Amino acid sequence: GMDRQYPNLIIVPVPLLTYEIVVFTHGTDFLLNG
């Protein structure tokens, strides 16, 4: 979807890898819910 914000870009429609966004903590503990 980056081509919607940057209209001069064209996507090459084959995924290169799966990107996973996570939370890293150092002593901070809580229930992660979104």
Full PDB file with SEQRES, HELIX, SHEET, SSBOND, CRYST1, ORIGX, SCALE, CONECT and MASTER records, all heavy atoms in Angstrom:
SEQRES   1 A   34  GLY MET ASP ARG GLN TYR PRO ASN LEU ILE ILE VAL PRO          
SEQRES   2 A   34  VAL PRO LEU LEU THR TYR GLU ILE VAL VAL PHE THR HIS          
SEQRES   3 A   34  GLY THR ASP PHE LEU LEU ASN GLY                              
HELIX    1 AA1 MET A    2  GLN A    5  1                                   4    
CRYST1    1.000    1.000    1.000  90.00  90.00  90.00 P 1           1          
ORIGX1      1.000000  0.000000  0.000000        0.00000                         
ORIGX2      0.000000  1.000000  0.000000        0.00000                         
ORIGX3      0.000000  0.000000  1.000000        0.00000                         
SCALE1      1.000000  0.000000  0.000000        0.00000                         
SCALE2      0.000000  1.000000  0.000000        0.00000                         
SCALE3      0.000000  0.000000  1.000000        0.00000                         
ATOM      1  N   GLY A   1       0.770  -1.239   0.000  1.00  0.00           N  
ATOM      2  CA  GLY A   1       0.000   0.000   0.000  1.00  0.00           C  
ATOM      3  C   GLY A   1       0.799   1.285   0.000  1.00  0.00           C  
ATOM      4  O   GLY A   1       0.211   2.374   0.000  1.00  0.00           O  
ATOM      5  N   MET A   2       2.128   1.223  -0.036  1.00  0.00           N  
ATOM      6  CA  MET A   2       2.926   2.451  -0.016  1.00  0.00           C  
ATOM      7  C   MET A   2       2.721   3.269  -1.293  1.00  0.00           C  
ATOM      8  O   MET A   2       2.925   4.476  -1.308  1.00  0.00           O  
ATOM      9  CB  MET A   2       4.417   2.123   0.152  1.00  0.00           C  
ATOM     10  CG  MET A   2       4.754   1.378   1.432  1.00  0.00           C  
ATOM     11  SD  MET A   2       4.079   2.135   2.933  1.00  0.00           S  
ATOM     12  CE  MET A   2       4.919   3.702   2.943  1.00  0.00           C  
ATOM     13  N   ASP A   3       2.289   2.599  -2.368  1.00  0.00           N  
ATOM     14  CA  ASP A   3       2.060   3.313  -3.625  1.00  0.00           C  
ATOM     15  C   ASP A   3       0.858   4.241  -3.548  1.00  0.00           C  
ATOM     16  O   ASP A   3       0.709   5.131  -4.391  1.00  0.00           O  
ATOM     17  CB  ASP A   3       1.896   2.322  -4.780  1.00  0.00           C  
ATOM     18  CG  ASP A   3       0.995   1.148  -4.436  1.00  0.00           C  
ATOM     19  OD1 ASP A   3       0.839   0.831  -3.244  1.00  0.00           O  
ATOM     20  OD2 ASP A   3       0.438   0.548  -5.367  1.00  0.00           O  
ATOM     21  N   ARG A   4      -0.002   4.065  -2.551  1.00  0.00           N  
ATOM     22  CA  ARG A   4      -1.133   4.997  -2.393  1.00  0.00           C  
ATOM     23  C   ARG A   4      -0.653   6.339  -1.849  1.00  0.00           C  
ATOM     24  O   ARG A   4      -1.177   7.386  -2.215  1.00  0.00           O  
ATOM     25  CB  ARG A   4      -2.184   4.388  -1.451  1.00  0.00           C  
ATOM     26  CG  ARG A   4      -2.922   3.208  -2.060  1.00  0.00           C  
ATOM     27  CD  ARG A   4      -4.168   2.856  -1.273  1.00  0.00           C  
ATOM     28  NE  ARG A   4      -3.857   2.363   0.057  1.00  0.00           N  
ATOM     29  CZ  ARG A   4      -3.664   1.078   0.350  1.00  0.00           C  
ATOM     30  NH1 ARG A   4      -3.753   0.162  -0.612  1.00  0.00           N  
ATOM     31  NH2 ARG A   4      -3.400   0.701   1.583  1.00  0.00           N  
ATOM     32  N   GLN A   5       0.335   6.308  -0.979  1.00  0.00           N  
ATOM     33  CA  GLN A   5       0.872   7.539  -0.402  1.00  0.00           C  
ATOM     34  C   GLN A   5       1.972   8.141  -1.276  1.00  0.00           C  
ATOM     35  O   GLN A   5       2.163   9.360  -1.284  1.00  0.00           O  
ATOM     36  CB  GLN A   5       1.419   7.258   1.007  1.00  0.00           C  
ATOM     37  CG  GLN A   5       1.848   8.499   1.759  1.00  0.00           C  
ATOM     38  CD  GLN A   5       2.210   8.201   3.196  1.00  0.00           C  
ATOM     39  OE1 GLN A   5       2.013   7.095   3.694  1.00  0.00           O  
ATOM     40  NE2 GLN A   5       2.762   9.186   3.884  1.00  0.00           N  
ATOM     41  N   TYR A   6       2.661   7.271  -2.002  1.00  0.00           N  
ATOM     42  CA  TYR A   6       3.756   7.719  -2.877  1.00  0.00           C  
ATOM     43  C   TYR A   6       3.411   7.263  -4.301  1.00  0.00           C  
ATOM     44  O   TYR A   6       3.815   6.180  -4.738  1.00  0.00           O  
ATOM     45  CB  TYR A   6       5.084   7.125  -2.396  1.00  0.00           C  
ATOM     46  CG  TYR A   6       5.440   7.567  -0.999  1.00  0.00           C  
ATOM     47  CD1 TYR A   6       5.024   6.835   0.114  1.00  0.00           C  
ATOM     48  CD2 TYR A   6       6.154   8.745  -0.780  1.00  0.00           C  
ATOM     49  CE1 TYR A   6       5.333   7.246   1.404  1.00  0.00           C  
ATOM     50  CE2 TYR A   6       6.470   9.169   0.501  1.00  0.00           C  
ATOM     51  CZ  TYR A   6       6.050   8.409   1.582  1.00  0.00           C  
ATOM     52  OH  TYR A   6       6.354   8.823   2.859  1.00  0.00           O  
ATOM     53  N   PRO A   7       2.654   8.074  -5.049  1.00  0.00           N  
ATOM     54  CA  PRO A   7       2.045   7.629  -6.309  1.00  0.00           C  
ATOM     55  C   PRO A   7       3.022   7.332  -7.435  1.00  0.00           C  
ATOM     56  O   PRO A   7       2.617   6.732  -8.438  1.00  0.00           O  
ATOM     57  CB  PRO A   7       1.124   8.797  -6.679  1.00  0.00           C  
ATOM     58  CG  PRO A   7       1.679   9.985  -5.956  1.00  0.00           C  
ATOM     59  CD  PRO A   7       2.258   9.449  -4.683  1.00  0.00           C  
ATOM     60  N   ASN A   8       4.277   7.723  -7.300  1.00  0.00           N  
ATOM     61  CA  ASN A   8       5.251   7.400  -8.337  1.00  0.00           C  
ATOM     62  C   ASN A   8       5.905   6.038  -8.129  1.00  0.00           C  
ATOM     63  O   ASN A   8       6.779   5.648  -8.909  1.00  0.00           O  
ATOM     64  CB  ASN A   8       6.341   8.477  -8.409  1.00  0.00           C  
ATOM     65  CG  ASN A   8       5.814   9.792  -8.935  1.00  0.00           C  
ATOM     66  OD1 ASN A   8       4.875   9.818  -9.728  1.00  0.00           O  
ATOM     67  ND2 ASN A   8       6.383  10.897  -8.486  1.00  0.00           N  
ATOM     68  N   LEU A   9       5.489   5.325  -7.087  1.00  0.00           N  
ATOM     69  CA  LEU A   9       6.051   4.005  -6.816  1.00  0.00           C  
ATOM     70  C   LEU A   9       5.133   2.909  -7.347  1.00  0.00           C  
ATOM     71  O   LEU A   9       3.914   3.010  -7.289  1.00  0.00           O  
ATOM     72  CB  LEU A   9       6.272   3.812  -5.310  1.00  0.00           C  
ATOM     73  CG  LEU A   9       7.284   4.741  -4.640  1.00  0.00           C  
ATOM     74  CD1 LEU A   9       7.465   4.364  -3.180  1.00  0.00           C  
ATOM     75  CD2 LEU A   9       8.630   4.718  -5.369  1.00  0.00           C  
ATOM     76  N   ILE A  10       5.758   1.855  -7.856  1.00  0.00           N  
ATOM     77  CA  ILE A  10       5.049   0.677  -8.358  1.00  0.00           C  
ATOM     78  C   ILE A  10       5.491  -0.520  -7.517  1.00  0.00           C  
ATOM     79  O   ILE A  10       6.692  -0.762  -7.350  1.00  0.00           O  
ATOM     80  CB  ILE A  10       5.383   0.417  -9.838  1.00  0.00           C  
ATOM     81  CG1 ILE A  10       4.935   1.590 -10.714  1.00  0.00           C  
ATOM     82  CG2 ILE A  10       4.770  -0.882 -10.326  1.00  0.00           C  
ATOM     83  CD1 ILE A  10       5.437   1.494 -12.138  1.00  0.00           C  
ATOM     84  N   ILE A  11       4.521  -1.281  -7.024  1.00  0.00           N  
ATOM     85  CA  ILE A  11       4.863  -2.459  -6.235  1.00  0.00           C  
ATOM     86  C   ILE A  11       5.239  -3.619  -7.147  1.00  0.00           C  
ATOM     87  O   ILE A  11       4.652  -3.800  -8.209  1.00  0.00           O  
ATOM     88  CB  ILE A  11       3.692  -2.849  -5.305  1.00  0.00           C  
ATOM     89  CG1 ILE A  11       4.140  -3.920  -4.304  1.00  0.00           C  
ATOM     90  CG2 ILE A  11       2.479  -3.312  -6.107  1.00  0.00           C  
ATOM     91  CD1 ILE A  11       3.120  -4.188  -3.209  1.00  0.00           C  
ATOM     92  N   VAL A  12       6.242  -4.372  -6.737  1.00  0.00           N  
ATOM     93  CA  VAL A  12       6.567  -5.646  -7.388  1.00  0.00           C  
ATOM     94  C   VAL A  12       5.835  -6.707  -6.569  1.00  0.00           C  
ATOM     95  O   VAL A  12       6.245  -7.007  -5.451  1.00  0.00           O  
ATOM     96  CB  VAL A  12       8.083  -5.891  -7.415  1.00  0.00           C  
ATOM     97  CG1 VAL A  12       8.394  -7.222  -8.091  1.00  0.00           C  
ATOM     98  CG2 VAL A  12       8.801  -4.747  -8.133  1.00  0.00           C  
ATOM     99  N   PRO A  13       4.750  -7.275  -7.091  1.00  0.00           N  
ATOM    100  CA  PRO A  13       3.781  -7.984  -6.248  1.00  0.00           C  
ATOM    101  C   PRO A  13       4.155  -9.416  -5.859  1.00  0.00           C  
ATOM    102  O   PRO A  13       3.332 -10.329  -5.949  1.00  0.00           O  
ATOM    103  CB  PRO A  13       2.519  -7.956  -7.107  1.00  0.00           C  
ATOM    104  CG  PRO A  13       3.030  -8.007  -8.505  1.00  0.00           C  
ATOM    105  CD  PRO A  13       4.312  -7.199  -8.490  1.00  0.00           C  
ATOM    106  N   VAL A  14       5.392  -9.607  -5.417  1.00  0.00           N  
ATOM    107  CA  VAL A  14       5.829 -10.903  -4.899  1.00  0.00           C  
ATOM    108  C   VAL A  14       6.493 -10.636  -3.549  1.00  0.00           C  
ATOM    109  O   VAL A  14       7.488  -9.907  -3.490  1.00  0.00           O  
ATOM    110  CB  VAL A  14       6.831 -11.594  -5.845  1.00  0.00           C  
ATOM    111  CG1 VAL A  14       7.241 -12.957  -5.284  1.00  0.00           C  
ATOM    112  CG2 VAL A  14       6.241 -11.748  -7.239  1.00  0.00           C  
ATOM    113  N   PRO A  15       5.960 -11.166  -2.440  1.00  0.00           N  
ATOM    114  CA  PRO A  15       6.543 -10.860  -1.124  1.00  0.00           C  
ATOM    115  C   PRO A  15       7.966 -11.377  -0.993  1.00  0.00           C  
ATOM    116  O   PRO A  15       8.293 -12.469  -1.453  1.00  0.00           O  
ATOM    117  CB  PRO A  15       5.590 -11.563  -0.148  1.00  0.00           C  
ATOM    118  CG  PRO A  15       4.875 -12.582  -0.957  1.00  0.00           C  
ATOM    119  CD  PRO A  15       4.795 -12.055  -2.352  1.00  0.00           C  
ATOM    120  N   LEU A  16       8.810 -10.560  -0.356  1.00  0.00           N  
ATOM    121  CA  LEU A  16      10.207 -10.933  -0.132  1.00  0.00           C  
ATOM    122  C   LEU A  16      10.381 -11.694   1.177  1.00  0.00           C  
ATOM    123  O   LEU A  16      11.219 -12.583   1.284  1.00  0.00           O  
ATOM    124  CB  LEU A  16      11.085  -9.679  -0.125  1.00  0.00           C  
ATOM    125  CG  LEU A  16      11.030  -8.809  -1.380  1.00  0.00           C  
ATOM    126  CD1 LEU A  16      11.898  -7.578  -1.209  1.00  0.00           C  
ATOM    127  CD2 LEU A  16      11.455  -9.615  -2.613  1.00  0.00           C  
ATOM    128  N   LEU A  17       9.594 -11.328   2.191  1.00  0.00           N  
ATOM    129  CA  LEU A  17       9.635 -11.975   3.494  1.00  0.00           C  
ATOM    130  C   LEU A  17       8.452 -11.492   4.309  1.00  0.00           C  
ATOM    131  O   LEU A  17       7.747 -10.559   3.897  1.00  0.00           O  
ATOM    132  CB  LEU A  17      10.938 -11.679   4.239  1.00  0.00           C  
ATOM    133  CG  LEU A  17      11.179 -10.235   4.702  1.00  0.00           C  
ATOM    134  CD1 LEU A  17      11.992 -10.220   5.986  1.00  0.00           C  
ATOM    135  CD2 LEU A  17      11.915  -9.416   3.644  1.00  0.00           C  
ATOM    136  N   THR A  18       8.228 -12.108   5.461  1.00  0.00           N  
ATOM    137  CA  THR A  18       7.184 -11.666   6.380  1.00  0.00           C  
ATOM    138  C   THR A  18       7.820 -10.838   7.487  1.00  0.00           C  
ATOM    139  O   THR A  18       8.806 -11.245   8.110  1.00  0.00           O  
ATOM    140  CB  THR A  18       6.446 -12.873   6.995  1.00  0.00           C  
ATOM    141  OG1 THR A  18       5.808 -13.592   5.937  1.00  0.00           O  
ATOM    142  CG2 THR A  18       5.395 -12.416   7.988  1.00  0.00           C  
ATOM    143  N   TYR A  19       7.266  -9.677   7.713  1.00  0.00           N  
ATOM    144  CA  TYR A  19       7.772  -8.702   8.682  1.00  0.00           C  
ATOM    145  C   TYR A  19       6.883  -8.766   9.920  1.00  0.00           C  
ATOM    146  O   TYR A  19       5.661  -8.638   9.816  1.00  0.00           O  
ATOM    147  CB  TYR A  19       7.707  -7.313   8.054  1.00  0.00           C  
ATOM    148  CG  TYR A  19       8.704  -6.309   8.573  1.00  0.00           C  
ATOM    149  CD1 TYR A  19       9.980  -6.245   8.049  1.00  0.00           C  
ATOM    150  CD2 TYR A  19       8.348  -5.399   9.558  1.00  0.00           C  
ATOM    151  CE1 TYR A  19      10.891  -5.289   8.486  1.00  0.00           C  
ATOM    152  CE2 TYR A  19       9.251  -4.447  10.006  1.00  0.00           C  
ATOM    153  CZ  TYR A  19      10.523  -4.395   9.463  1.00  0.00           C  
ATOM    154  OH  TYR A  19      11.418  -3.455   9.903  1.00  0.00           O  
ATOM    155  N   GLU A  20       7.478  -8.979  11.068  1.00  0.00           N  
ATOM    156  CA  GLU A  20       6.715  -9.142  12.302  1.00  0.00           C  
ATOM    157  C   GLU A  20       7.088  -8.028  13.285  1.00  0.00           C  
ATOM    158  O   GLU A  20       8.253  -7.895  13.661  1.00  0.00           O  
ATOM    159  CB  GLU A  20       7.018 -10.512  12.909  1.00  0.00           C  
ATOM    160  CG  GLU A  20       5.998 -10.991  13.899  1.00  0.00           C  
ATOM    161  CD  GLU A  20       6.252 -12.430  14.329  1.00  0.00           C  
ATOM    162  OE1 GLU A  20       7.418 -12.795  14.573  1.00  0.00           O  
ATOM    163  OE2 GLU A  20       5.275 -13.178  14.436  1.00  0.00           O  
ATOM    164  N   ILE A  21       6.102  -7.221  13.685  1.00  0.00           N  
ATOM    165  CA  ILE A  21       6.320  -6.128  14.629  1.00  0.00           C  
ATOM    166  C   ILE A  21       6.005  -6.621  16.036  1.00  0.00           C  
ATOM    167  O   ILE A  21       4.894  -7.097  16.315  1.00  0.00           O  
ATOM    168  CB  ILE A  21       5.430  -4.913  14.296  1.00  0.00           C  
ATOM    169  CG1 ILE A  21       5.743  -4.389  12.889  1.00  0.00           C  
ATOM    170  CG2 ILE A  21       5.612  -3.809  15.345  1.00  0.00           C  
ATOM    171  CD1 ILE A  21       7.123  -3.794  12.728  1.00  0.00           C  
ATOM    172  N   VAL A  22       7.000  -6.517  16.928  1.00  0.00           N  
ATOM    173  CA  VAL A  22       6.833  -7.002  18.301  1.00  0.00           C  
ATOM    174  C   VAL A  22       7.296  -5.937  19.289  1.00  0.00           C  
ATOM    175  O   VAL A  22       7.903  -4.925  18.919  1.00  0.00           O  
ATOM    176  CB  VAL A  22       7.626  -8.309  18.538  1.00  0.00           C  
ATOM    177  CG1 VAL A  22       7.113  -9.436  17.641  1.00  0.00           C  
ATOM    178  CG2 VAL A  22       9.119  -8.090  18.320  1.00  0.00           C  
ATOM    179  N   VAL A  23       7.023  -6.198  20.575  1.00  0.00           N  
ATOM    180  CA  VAL A  23       7.438  -5.308  21.667  1.00  0.00           C  
ATOM    181  C   VAL A  23       8.580  -5.970  22.429  1.00  0.00           C  
ATOM    182  O   VAL A  23       8.469  -7.125  22.847  1.00  0.00           O  
ATOM    183  CB  VAL A  23       6.264  -5.027  22.627  1.00  0.00           C  
ATOM    184  CG1 VAL A  23       6.736  -4.204  23.820  1.00  0.00           C  
ATOM    185  CG2 VAL A  23       5.141  -4.309  21.887  1.00  0.00           C  
ATOM    186  N   PHE A  24       9.670  -5.220  22.616  1.00  0.00           N  
ATOM    187  CA  PHE A  24      10.808  -5.665  23.421  1.00  0.00           C  
ATOM    188  C   PHE A  24      10.797  -4.882  24.738  1.00  0.00           C  
ATOM    189  O   PHE A  24      10.558  -3.667  24.728  1.00  0.00           O  
ATOM    190  CB  PHE A  24      12.128  -5.397  22.695  1.00  0.00           C  
ATOM    191  CG  PHE A  24      12.259  -6.108  21.375  1.00  0.00           C  
ATOM    192  CD1 PHE A  24      11.836  -5.510  20.197  1.00  0.00           C  
ATOM    193  CD2 PHE A  24      12.805  -7.384  21.305  1.00  0.00           C  
ATOM    194  CE1 PHE A  24      11.960  -6.157  18.979  1.00  0.00           C  
ATOM    195  CE2 PHE A  24      12.932  -8.042  20.094  1.00  0.00           C  
ATOM    196  CZ  PHE A  24      12.503  -7.426  18.926  1.00  0.00           C  
ATOM    197  N   THR A  25      11.043  -5.563  25.847  1.00  0.00           N  
ATOM    198  CA  THR A  25      11.038  -4.885  27.141  1.00  0.00           C  
ATOM    199  C   THR A  25      12.276  -5.247  27.960  1.00  0.00           C  
ATOM    200  O   THR A  25      12.888  -6.306  27.766  1.00  0.00           O  
ATOM    201  CB  THR A  25       9.791  -5.247  27.978  1.00  0.00           C  
ATOM    202  OG1 THR A  25       9.927  -6.594  28.462  1.00  0.00           O  
ATOM    203  CG2 THR A  25       8.527  -5.111  27.168  1.00  0.00           C  
ATOM    204  N   HIS A  26      12.599  -4.351  28.882  1.00  0.00           N  
ATOM    205  CA  HIS A  26      13.672  -4.596  29.842  1.00  0.00           C  
ATOM    206  C   HIS A  26      13.120  -4.250  31.231  1.00  0.00           C  
ATOM    207  O   HIS A  26      13.219  -3.115  31.688  1.00  0.00           O  
ATOM    208  CB  HIS A  26      14.891  -3.731  29.517  1.00  0.00           C  
ATOM    209  CG  HIS A  26      16.006  -3.879  30.500  1.00  0.00           C  
ATOM    210  ND1 HIS A  26      16.545  -2.808  31.189  1.00  0.00           N  
ATOM    211  CD2 HIS A  26      16.673  -4.973  30.912  1.00  0.00           C  
ATOM    212  CE1 HIS A  26      17.504  -3.247  31.983  1.00  0.00           C  
ATOM    213  NE2 HIS A  26      17.598  -4.553  31.840  1.00  0.00           N  
ATOM    214  N   GLY A  27      12.489  -5.227  31.835  1.00  0.00           N  
ATOM    215  CA  GLY A  27      11.944  -5.021  33.176  1.00  0.00           C  
ATOM    216  C   GLY A  27      10.542  -4.442  33.205  1.00  0.00           C  
ATOM    217  O   GLY A  27       9.956  -4.292  34.283  1.00  0.00           O  
ATOM    218  N   THR A  28       9.981  -4.091  32.071  1.00  0.00           N  
ATOM    219  CA  THR A  28       8.603  -3.577  32.023  1.00  0.00           C  
ATOM    220  C   THR A  28       7.693  -4.730  31.634  1.00  0.00           C  
ATOM    221  O   THR A  28       7.826  -5.292  30.554  1.00  0.00           O  
ATOM    222  CB  THR A  28       8.476  -2.439  31.001  1.00  0.00           C  
ATOM    223  OG1 THR A  28       9.374  -1.389  31.354  1.00  0.00           O  
ATOM    224  CG2 THR A  28       7.055  -1.900  30.958  1.00  0.00           C  
ATOM    225  N   ASP A  29       6.777  -5.068  32.520  1.00  0.00           N  
ATOM    226  CA  ASP A  29       5.914  -6.227  32.276  1.00  0.00           C  
ATOM    227  C   ASP A  29       4.452  -5.798  32.311  1.00  0.00           C  
ATOM    228  O   ASP A  29       4.016  -5.133  33.249  1.00  0.00           O  
ATOM    229  CB  ASP A  29       6.169  -7.293  33.345  1.00  0.00           C  
ATOM    230  CG  ASP A  29       5.610  -8.644  32.942  1.00  0.00           C  
ATOM    231  OD1 ASP A  29       5.248  -8.797  31.767  1.00  0.00           O  
ATOM    232  OD2 ASP A  29       5.526  -9.540  33.810  1.00  0.00           O  
ATOM    233  N   PHE A  30       3.700  -6.138  31.291  1.00  0.00           N  
ATOM    234  CA  PHE A  30       2.284  -5.790  31.241  1.00  0.00           C  
ATOM    235  C   PHE A  30       1.589  -6.717  30.256  1.00  0.00           C  
ATOM    236  O   PHE A  30       2.245  -7.428  29.471  1.00  0.00           O  
ATOM    237  CB  PHE A  30       2.090  -4.327  30.826  1.00  0.00           C  
ATOM    238  CG  PHE A  30       2.565  -4.000  29.432  1.00  0.00           C  
ATOM    239  CD1 PHE A  30       1.678  -3.907  28.380  1.00  0.00           C  
ATOM    240  CD2 PHE A  30       3.920  -3.782  29.173  1.00  0.00           C  
ATOM    241  CE1 PHE A  30       2.105  -3.602  27.103  1.00  0.00           C  
ATOM    242  CE2 PHE A  30       4.361  -3.479  27.894  1.00  0.00           C  
ATOM    243  CZ  PHE A  30       3.449  -3.390  26.852  1.00  0.00           C  
ATOM    244  N   LEU A  31       0.284  -6.724  30.288  1.00  0.00           N  
ATOM    245  CA  LEU A  31      -0.500  -7.535  29.373  1.00  0.00           C  
ATOM    246  C   LEU A  31      -0.598  -6.815  28.031  1.00  0.00           C  
ATOM    247  O   LEU A  31      -1.194  -5.733  27.946  1.00  0.00           O  
ATOM    248  CB  LEU A  31      -1.896  -7.783  29.942  1.00  0.00           C  
ATOM    249  CG  LEU A  31      -2.834  -8.631  29.071  1.00  0.00           C  
ATOM    250  CD1 LEU A  31      -2.279 -10.038  28.888  1.00  0.00           C  
ATOM    251  CD2 LEU A  31      -4.229  -8.672  29.687  1.00  0.00           C  
ATOM    252  N   LEU A  32      -0.010  -7.396  27.022  1.00  0.00           N  
ATOM    253  CA  LEU A  32      -0.016  -6.780  25.691  1.00  0.00           C  
ATOM    254  C   LEU A  32      -1.299  -7.143  24.969  1.00  0.00           C  
ATOM    255  O   LEU A  32      -1.576  -8.317  24.720  1.00  0.00           O  
ATOM    256  CB  LEU A  32       1.201  -7.262  24.891  1.00  0.00           C  
ATOM    257  CG  LEU A  32       1.362  -6.693  23.473  1.00  0.00           C  
ATOM    258  CD1 LEU A  32       1.480  -5.186  23.499  1.00  0.00           C  
ATOM    259  CD2 LEU A  32       2.585  -7.311  22.795  1.00  0.00           C  
ATOM    260  N   ASN A  33      -2.074  -6.127  24.631  1.00  0.00           N  
ATOM    261  CA  ASN A  33      -3.347  -6.352  23.950  1.00  0.00           C  
ATOM    262  C   ASN A  33      -3.539  -5.274  22.882  1.00  0.00           C  
ATOM    263  O   ASN A  33      -4.358  -4.372  23.017  1.00  0.00           O  
ATOM    264  CB  ASN A  33      -4.495  -6.336  24.964  1.00  0.00           C  
ATOM    265  CG  ASN A  33      -5.825  -6.665  24.318  1.00  0.00           C  
ATOM    266  OD1 ASN A  33      -5.878  -7.304  23.268  1.00  0.00           O  
ATOM    267  ND2 ASN A  33      -6.909  -6.202  24.923  1.00  0.00           N  
ATOM    268  N   GLY A  34      -2.737  -5.355  21.845  1.00  0.00           N  
ATOM    269  CA  GLY A  34      -2.828  -4.385  20.758  1.00  0.00           C  
ATOM    270  C   GLY A  34      -2.071  -3.098  21.040  1.00  0.00           C  
ATOM    271  O   GLY A  34      -1.487  -2.892  22.112  1.00  0.00           O  
TER     272      GLY A  34                                                      
MASTER        0    0    0    1    0    0    0    6  271    1    0    3          
END                                                                             
